[in-house]
Amino acid sequence: MGEKQNADEGSLVHRELDTDRNEPLSEVAEIIADLNDTDVNDLPPIYDTIDHLLTHLFDNPPSPDSQVKVQFHYAGYQITVHHQGDALFLKV
């Protein structure tokens, strides 16, 4: 998942998501748990926030020229995920 890095408010962390993973939202929750040095089970359910939107984005990716991104808030982070798997986590 990348090197361990605790996030402070206002810090921006870049990660690459596995676009072939069955449940990419689980990976997002795991990254946030890692950034907060906590257990993923201590976070609120991520599906209540964004449901299966990322799964659909990666299962049916748009053309590379479209530059689609999804932005949402979860567990104290503003998360931006680009259709090719780049993800930015901003602690708010």
C-alpha atoms as a PDB file:
ATOM      1  CA  MET A   1       0.000   0.000   0.000  1.00  0.00           C
ATOM      2  CA  GLY A   2       2.993   2.305   0.190  1.00  0.00           C
ATOM      3  CA  GLU A   3       5.136   3.593   2.993  1.00  0.00           C
ATOM      4  CA  LYS A   4       3.597   4.357   6.374  1.00  0.00           C
ATOM      5  CA  GLN A   5       2.691   8.002   6.660  1.00  0.00           C
ATOM      6  CA  ASN A   6       0.493   9.553   9.346  1.00  0.00           C
ATOM      7  CA  ALA A   7      -1.555  12.444   8.043  1.00  0.00           C
ATOM      8  CA  ASP A   8      -1.883  15.800   9.760  1.00  0.00           C
ATOM      9  CA  GLU A   9      -4.707  18.226   8.984  1.00  0.00           C
ATOM     10  CA  GLY A  10      -4.051  19.863   5.641  1.00  0.00           C
ATOM     11  CA  SER A  11      -1.604  17.193   4.524  1.00  0.00           C
ATOM     12  CA  LEU A  12      -2.028  15.614   1.108  1.00  0.00           C
ATOM     13  CA  VAL A  13      -1.123  11.981   0.477  1.00  0.00           C
ATOM     14  CA  HIS A  14      -0.953  10.326  -2.945  1.00  0.00           C
ATOM     15  CA  ARG A  15      -1.611   6.609  -3.404  1.00  0.00           C
ATOM     16  CA  GLU A  16      -2.272   4.345  -6.399  1.00  0.00           C
ATOM     17  CA  LEU A  17      -5.403   2.206  -6.107  1.00  0.00           C
ATOM     18  CA  ASP A  18      -5.540  -1.284  -7.567  1.00  0.00           C
ATOM     19  CA  THR A  19      -8.143  -0.766 -10.316  1.00  0.00           C
ATOM     20  CA  ASP A  20      -8.499  -4.551 -10.719  1.00  0.00           C
ATOM     21  CA  ARG A  21      -9.531  -5.084  -7.106  1.00  0.00           C
ATOM     22  CA  ASN A  22     -13.097  -6.320  -6.592  1.00  0.00           C
ATOM     23  CA  GLU A  23     -13.870  -3.740  -3.910  1.00  0.00           C
ATOM     24  CA  PRO A  24     -11.766  -0.588  -4.385  1.00  0.00           C
ATOM     25  CA  LEU A  25     -13.638   1.135  -1.552  1.00  0.00           C
ATOM     26  CA  SER A  26     -12.135  -1.371   0.864  1.00  0.00           C
ATOM     27  CA  GLU A  27      -8.694  -0.250  -0.282  1.00  0.00           C
ATOM     28  CA  VAL A  28      -9.659   3.403   0.338  1.00  0.00           C
ATOM     29  CA  ALA A  29     -10.740   2.527   3.895  1.00  0.00           C
ATOM     30  CA  GLU A  30      -7.509   0.556   4.442  1.00  0.00           C
ATOM     31  CA  ILE A  31      -5.421   3.541   3.325  1.00  0.00           C
ATOM     32  CA  ILE A  32      -7.265   5.882   5.703  1.00  0.00           C
ATOM     33  CA  ALA A  33      -6.838   3.392   8.553  1.00  0.00           C
ATOM     34  CA  ASP A  34      -3.127   3.247   7.731  1.00  0.00           C
ATOM     35  CA  LEU A  35      -2.834   7.048   7.640  1.00  0.00           C
ATOM     36  CA  ASN A  36      -4.562   7.305  11.023  1.00  0.00           C
ATOM     37  CA  ASP A  37      -2.697   4.341  12.524  1.00  0.00           C
ATOM     38  CA  THR A  38      -5.986   2.673  13.423  1.00  0.00           C
ATOM     39  CA  ASP A  39      -7.866  -0.498  12.574  1.00  0.00           C
ATOM     40  CA  VAL A  40     -10.088  -0.365   9.496  1.00  0.00           C
ATOM     41  CA  ASN A  41     -12.939  -1.789  11.605  1.00  0.00           C
ATOM     42  CA  ASP A  42     -12.857   1.358  13.759  1.00  0.00           C
ATOM     43  CA  LEU A  43     -13.873   3.521  10.763  1.00  0.00           C
ATOM     44  CA  PRO A  44     -17.487   4.175   9.768  1.00  0.00           C
ATOM     45  CA  PRO A  45     -18.809   2.016   6.898  1.00  0.00           C
ATOM     46  CA  ILE A  46     -17.494   3.523   3.671  1.00  0.00           C
ATOM     47  CA  TYR A  47     -20.347   2.093   1.603  1.00  0.00           C
ATOM     48  CA  ASP A  48     -22.722   4.467   3.404  1.00  0.00           C
ATOM     49  CA  THR A  49     -20.681   7.323   1.920  1.00  0.00           C
ATOM     50  CA  ILE A  50     -20.158   6.384  -1.720  1.00  0.00           C
ATOM     51  CA  ASP A  51     -21.639   2.899  -2.291  1.00  0.00           C
ATOM     52  CA  HIS A  52     -20.190   1.107  -5.355  1.00  0.00           C
ATOM     53  CA  LEU A  53     -19.365   4.175  -7.441  1.00  0.00           C
ATOM     54  CA  LEU A  54     -15.625   3.405  -7.637  1.00  0.00           C
ATOM     55  CA  THR A  55     -16.296  -0.212  -8.563  1.00  0.00           C
ATOM     56  CA  HIS A  56     -18.400   0.974 -11.501  1.00  0.00           C
ATOM     57  CA  LEU A  57     -15.770   3.544 -12.476  1.00  0.00           C
ATOM     58  CA  PHE A  58     -13.026   0.910 -12.638  1.00  0.00           C
ATOM     59  CA  ASP A  59     -15.222  -1.849 -14.178  1.00  0.00           C
ATOM     60  CA  ASN A  60     -16.320   0.413 -17.048  1.00  0.00           C
ATOM     61  CA  PRO A  61     -13.520   2.945 -17.365  1.00  0.00           C
ATOM     62  CA  PRO A  62     -14.066   5.982 -19.554  1.00  0.00           C
ATOM     63  CA  SER A  63     -11.661   6.829 -22.345  1.00  0.00           C
ATOM     64  CA  PRO A  64      -8.249   8.034 -21.152  1.00  0.00           C
ATOM     65  CA  ASP A  65      -8.953  11.464 -22.653  1.00  0.00           C
ATOM     66  CA  SER A  66     -12.028  12.017 -20.468  1.00  0.00           C
ATOM     67  CA  GLN A  67     -10.017  12.673 -17.277  1.00  0.00           C
ATOM     68  CA  VAL A  68     -12.873  11.548 -14.987  1.00  0.00           C
ATOM     69  CA  LYS A  69     -12.436  11.933 -11.246  1.00  0.00           C
ATOM     70  CA  VAL A  70     -14.639  11.263  -8.239  1.00  0.00           C
ATOM     71  CA  GLN A  71     -14.361  13.422  -5.128  1.00  0.00           C
ATOM     72  CA  PHE A  72     -15.980  12.649  -1.774  1.00  0.00           C
ATOM     73  CA  HIS A  73     -15.500  13.043   1.983  1.00  0.00           C
ATOM     74  CA  TYR A  74     -14.976  10.120   4.342  1.00  0.00           C
ATOM     75  CA  ALA A  75     -13.631   9.802   7.900  1.00  0.00           C
ATOM     76  CA  GLY A  76     -12.096  13.281   8.002  1.00  0.00           C
ATOM     77  CA  TYR A  77     -10.587  13.180   4.501  1.00  0.00           C
ATOM     78  CA  GLN A  78     -11.425  14.725   1.160  1.00  0.00           C
ATOM     79  CA  ILE A  79     -10.651  11.951  -1.310  1.00  0.00           C
ATOM     80  CA  THR A  80     -10.159  12.424  -5.027  1.00  0.00           C
ATOM     81  CA  VAL A  81      -9.914   9.313  -7.208  1.00  0.00           C
ATOM     82  CA  HIS A  82      -9.035   9.570 -10.887  1.00  0.00           C
ATOM     83  CA  HIS A  83     -10.314   6.902 -13.282  1.00  0.00           C
ATOM     84  CA  GLN A  84      -6.820   5.458 -13.832  1.00  0.00           C
ATOM     85  CA  GLY A  85      -6.418   4.789 -10.070  1.00  0.00           C
ATOM     86  CA  ASP A  86      -4.529   7.851  -8.778  1.00  0.00           C
ATOM     87  CA  ALA A  87      -5.947   8.783  -5.392  1.00  0.00           C
ATOM     88  CA  LEU A  88      -5.344  11.881  -3.283  1.00  0.00           C
ATOM     89  CA  PHE A  89      -6.206  11.955   0.422  1.00  0.00           C
ATOM     90  CA  LEU A  90      -6.463  15.404   2.014  1.00  0.00           C
ATOM     91  CA  LYS A  91      -6.913  15.453   5.797  1.00  0.00           C
ATOM     92  CA  VAL A  92      -9.555  18.084   6.607  1.00  0.00           C
END
